[in-house]
Amino acid sequence: KAAADAADTDEPALPSANAPASPAALASRIHHRMVHAQQPQGVLYAGASGAGKTRTARRLTRHLVNLGAPTARLRAALDAALTVLDAFTCAPTERSAAASRAATYIELHYTPVGQLGGAKLLVCGLDKGATRFCVSDMDMRDVRAALRALGLRERTADAVERTLHALAQLESLAFVDAWRAGAAGGSALVADDAPLAHAAALLGVDADSLGRTLVARTTS
């Protein structure tokens, strides 16, 4: 179990008995035990929301990757996967502007001599109700580059970006009571047509149809 608030250093020296292991030191110990004992090693991160578990996990993972001396292609793929994961599995909370809202399982596969040969990443328990795309327009360039590194075509990456921007526009929509607004039929109306029109243009759909869909309820 790694301490979530461990400080990051470049020195792999062992910590004192009362101090938490830094990600670099812990990674060195894990890699050493794995190679010399020829046994799988595991790390469990636990702590309150906002304690720094995700940040510590990313640091430890990157240290373990570096110790495995991976190929440039594998290193780029791992960095890209972590970038996309962080972008799509976070949401603002009271303690953090971008708290992780999912449990992540990462496997790093090494050869008997300790060289990294592959990896597997699984996302479990994603809080879909709270999760949102938590990245700025400036950081979107990094996400696009990560998607391309993972094998997505430029056309597909463009479609992903348009969809994300459309969702951001839809998230900003406000609604008013149709009866109070003097409109006939329906229970709600979109208060501002500009974000709706922008989202419809990005998605390539009719704005009026999109607006009606947003205020309609289907029962069965």
Protein backbone atom coordinates (compact mmCIF):
# COMPACT_ATOMS: atom_id res chain seq x y z
CA LYS A 1 0.00 0.00 0.00
CA ALA A 2 1.58 3.26 -1.12
CA ALA A 3 0.97 6.47 0.77
CA ALA A 4 -1.11 8.82 -1.35
CA ASP A 5 0.67 11.94 -0.15
CA ALA A 6 4.18 10.63 -0.79
CA ALA A 7 6.64 13.19 -2.10
CA ASP A 8 8.21 12.61 -5.52
CA THR A 9 11.99 12.48 -5.72
CA ASP A 10 14.57 11.16 -8.16
CA GLU A 11 16.51 9.34 -5.44
CA PRO A 12 15.63 5.63 -5.01
CA ALA A 13 16.96 5.51 -1.44
CA LEU A 14 14.85 3.52 1.01
CA PRO A 15 12.68 5.66 3.33
CA SER A 16 12.96 5.71 7.07
CA ALA A 17 10.65 3.54 9.17
CA ASN A 18 8.25 6.44 9.86
CA ALA A 19 8.31 8.08 6.43
CA PRO A 20 6.22 7.00 3.42
CA ALA A 21 8.10 5.71 0.41
CA SER A 22 8.43 8.16 -2.45
CA PRO A 23 7.13 6.92 -5.81
CA ALA A 24 10.71 6.62 -7.11
CA ALA A 25 11.93 4.65 -4.07
CA LEU A 26 8.86 2.41 -4.03
CA ALA A 27 9.19 1.70 -7.76
CA SER A 28 12.85 0.73 -7.27
CA ARG A 29 11.94 -1.69 -4.45
CA ILE A 30 9.08 -3.24 -6.43
CA HIS A 31 11.21 -3.74 -9.54
CA HIS A 32 14.10 -5.19 -7.51
CA ARG A 33 11.88 -7.68 -5.67
CA MET A 34 10.12 -8.70 -8.87
CA VAL A 35 13.37 -9.47 -10.69
CA HIS A 36 15.21 -11.18 -7.82
CA ALA A 37 12.27 -13.13 -6.40
CA GLN A 38 10.69 -13.75 -9.82
CA GLN A 39 7.28 -13.06 -8.29
CA PRO A 40 4.50 -10.65 -9.28
CA GLN A 41 4.28 -7.45 -7.21
CA GLY A 42 1.22 -5.29 -6.52
CA VAL A 43 0.38 -1.85 -5.18
CA LEU A 44 -2.98 -0.79 -3.71
CA TYR A 45 -3.78 2.92 -3.39
CA ALA A 46 -6.23 3.93 -0.66
CA GLY A 47 -7.23 7.24 0.86
CA ALA A 48 -9.82 9.98 0.99
CA SER A 49 -10.92 11.85 -2.12
CA GLY A 50 -8.44 14.58 -2.96
CA ALA A 51 -5.58 12.96 -1.02
CA GLY A 52 -3.47 12.55 -4.15
CA LYS A 53 -3.93 8.85 -4.98
CA THR A 54 -4.19 9.36 -8.73
CA ARG A 55 -1.20 11.69 -8.88
CA THR A 56 0.92 9.27 -6.86
CA ALA A 57 -0.22 6.33 -8.99
CA ARG A 58 0.77 8.13 -12.18
CA ARG A 59 4.22 8.95 -10.77
CA LEU A 60 4.81 5.42 -9.58
CA THR A 61 3.66 3.97 -12.90
CA ARG A 62 6.01 6.19 -14.86
CA HIS A 63 8.94 5.29 -12.58
CA LEU A 64 8.17 1.58 -13.07
CA VAL A 65 7.98 2.12 -16.82
CA ASN A 66 11.36 3.86 -16.83
CA LEU A 67 12.95 1.04 -14.83
CA GLY A 68 11.71 -1.43 -17.44
CA ALA A 69 13.53 0.39 -20.28
CA PRO A 70 10.63 0.02 -22.73
CA THR A 71 10.79 0.64 -26.46
CA ALA A 72 9.93 4.14 -27.63
CA ARG A 73 6.69 2.86 -29.15
CA LEU A 74 5.53 1.20 -25.92
CA ARG A 75 6.45 4.23 -23.82
CA ALA A 76 4.49 6.52 -26.14
CA ALA A 77 1.46 4.21 -26.02
CA LEU A 78 1.48 4.10 -22.21
CA ASP A 79 1.81 7.88 -21.90
CA ALA A 80 -1.04 8.32 -24.37
CA ALA A 81 -3.27 5.86 -22.52
CA LEU A 82 -2.74 7.66 -19.21
CA THR A 83 -3.44 11.04 -20.84
CA VAL A 84 -6.77 9.85 -22.25
CA LEU A 85 -7.65 8.11 -18.99
CA ASP A 86 -7.11 11.26 -16.96
CA ALA A 87 -9.11 13.34 -19.43
CA PHE A 88 -12.20 11.11 -19.41
CA THR A 89 -12.44 9.84 -15.83
CA CYS A 90 -12.32 12.98 -13.70
CA ALA A 91 -14.77 15.51 -12.31
CA PRO A 92 -14.61 18.51 -9.97
CA THR A 93 -15.27 17.90 -6.27
CA GLU A 94 -15.11 20.03 -3.14
CA ARG A 95 -11.48 19.04 -2.57
CA SER A 96 -10.20 18.82 -6.14
CA ALA A 97 -10.83 20.48 -9.48
CA ALA A 98 -10.18 17.20 -11.27
CA ALA A 99 -10.76 14.25 -8.95
CA SER A 100 -10.65 10.74 -10.39
CA ARG A 101 -14.11 9.18 -10.58
CA ALA A 102 -13.11 5.65 -11.47
CA ALA A 103 -10.98 2.78 -10.19
CA THR A 104 -8.06 1.96 -12.45
CA TYR A 105 -6.30 -1.39 -12.75
CA ILE A 106 -2.91 -1.31 -14.47
CA GLU A 107 -0.74 -4.31 -15.27
CA LEU A 108 2.87 -3.90 -16.39
CA HIS A 109 4.34 -7.04 -17.94
CA TYR A 110 8.09 -7.59 -17.59
CA THR A 111 10.54 -10.16 -18.89
CA PRO A 112 12.46 -12.31 -16.34
CA VAL A 113 15.32 -9.80 -16.49
CA GLY A 114 13.03 -6.87 -15.72
CA GLN A 115 12.47 -5.32 -19.15
CA LEU A 116 9.01 -3.98 -19.81
CA GLY A 117 7.33 -5.85 -22.64
CA GLY A 118 3.66 -4.87 -22.43
CA ALA A 119 0.85 -3.43 -20.34
CA LYS A 120 -2.88 -3.71 -19.70
CA LEU A 121 -5.17 -0.97 -18.38
CA LEU A 122 -8.74 -1.47 -17.17
CA VAL A 123 -11.24 1.09 -15.85
CA CYS A 124 -13.75 -0.13 -13.26
CA GLY A 125 -16.60 1.51 -11.38
CA LEU A 126 -16.77 4.65 -13.50
CA ASP A 127 -19.12 7.20 -11.93
CA LYS A 128 -20.89 8.13 -15.15
CA GLY A 129 -23.23 10.55 -13.42
CA ALA A 130 -20.41 12.73 -12.10
CA THR A 131 -17.74 12.25 -14.75
CA ARG A 132 -17.18 14.91 -17.36
CA PHE A 133 -14.48 15.71 -19.86
CA CYS A 134 -12.13 17.59 -17.55
CA VAL A 135 -9.62 19.31 -19.83
CA SER A 136 -9.17 22.81 -21.17
CA ASP A 137 -9.12 23.78 -24.85
CA MET A 138 -5.37 24.23 -24.61
CA ASP A 139 -4.93 20.69 -23.25
CA MET A 140 -7.11 19.28 -26.02
CA ARG A 141 -4.04 19.24 -28.25
CA ASP A 142 -2.44 16.73 -25.87
CA VAL A 143 -5.57 14.57 -25.90
CA ARG A 144 -5.69 14.62 -29.70
CA ALA A 145 -2.04 13.62 -29.89
CA ALA A 146 -2.71 10.82 -27.39
CA LEU A 147 -5.65 9.53 -29.41
CA ARG A 148 -3.50 9.50 -32.54
CA ALA A 149 -0.71 7.65 -30.68
CA LEU A 150 -3.25 5.01 -29.66
CA GLY A 151 -4.14 4.37 -33.28
CA LEU A 152 -7.16 6.59 -33.94
CA ARG A 153 -7.28 8.18 -37.38
CA GLU A 154 -7.26 11.95 -37.73
CA ARG A 155 -10.86 11.89 -38.88
CA THR A 156 -11.94 9.94 -35.80
CA ALA A 157 -9.98 12.25 -33.48
CA ASP A 158 -11.75 15.22 -35.09
CA ALA A 159 -15.13 13.60 -34.46
CA VAL A 160 -14.24 12.96 -30.81
CA GLU A 161 -13.21 16.59 -30.35
CA ARG A 162 -16.38 17.92 -31.99
CA THR A 163 -18.54 15.69 -29.80
CA LEU A 164 -16.77 16.85 -26.64
CA HIS A 165 -17.20 20.51 -27.54
CA ALA A 166 -20.86 19.87 -28.35
CA LEU A 167 -21.38 18.26 -24.95
CA ALA A 168 -19.78 21.29 -23.31
CA GLN A 169 -22.27 23.53 -25.12
CA LEU A 170 -25.20 21.36 -24.09
CA GLU A 171 -24.01 21.38 -20.50
CA SER A 172 -24.32 25.19 -20.46
CA LEU A 173 -27.96 25.15 -21.58
CA ALA A 174 -30.62 26.70 -19.36
CA PHE A 175 -34.31 25.82 -19.51
CA VAL A 176 -37.50 27.75 -18.72
CA ASP A 177 -41.03 26.64 -17.97
CA ALA A 178 -43.00 26.61 -21.24
CA TRP A 179 -46.25 27.72 -19.61
CA ARG A 180 -44.60 30.70 -17.91
CA ALA A 181 -42.96 31.61 -21.21
CA GLY A 182 -46.36 31.64 -22.89
CA ALA A 183 -45.58 28.75 -25.22
CA ALA A 184 -48.16 26.17 -26.18
CA GLY A 185 -47.45 22.52 -25.39
CA GLY A 186 -44.49 20.97 -23.64
CA SER A 187 -43.24 21.55 -20.15
CA ALA A 188 -39.90 23.22 -20.84
CA LEU A 189 -38.08 25.33 -23.41
CA VAL A 190 -34.43 26.02 -24.08
CA ALA A 191 -33.77 29.51 -22.73
CA ASP A 192 -30.84 30.40 -25.01
CA ASP A 193 -30.72 29.18 -28.59
CA ALA A 194 -27.06 30.08 -29.20
CA PRO A 195 -25.42 27.15 -27.35
CA LEU A 196 -28.04 24.81 -28.80
CA ALA A 197 -27.31 25.98 -32.34
CA HIS A 198 -23.56 25.65 -31.76
CA ALA A 199 -23.92 22.11 -30.41
CA ALA A 200 -26.21 21.11 -33.29
CA ALA A 201 -23.69 22.43 -35.83
CA LEU A 202 -20.87 20.47 -34.21
CA LEU A 203 -22.96 17.28 -34.18
CA GLY A 204 -24.31 17.82 -37.68
CA VAL A 205 -27.97 17.71 -36.66
CA ASP A 206 -30.94 20.07 -36.87
CA ALA A 207 -31.06 22.51 -33.94
CA ASP A 208 -34.85 22.42 -33.59
CA SER A 209 -34.89 18.62 -33.55
CA LEU A 210 -32.11 18.56 -30.97
CA GLY A 211 -33.99 21.07 -28.82
CA ARG A 212 -37.19 19.03 -28.91
CA THR A 213 -35.25 15.90 -27.98
CA LEU A 214 -33.76 17.59 -24.94
CA VAL A 215 -37.14 18.53 -23.47
CA ALA A 216 -39.03 15.35 -24.42
CA ARG A 217 -39.58 12.45 -22.06
CA THR A 218 -40.22 8.98 -23.37
CA THR A 219 -42.03 6.48 -21.17
CA SER A 220 -42.76 2.82 -21.75
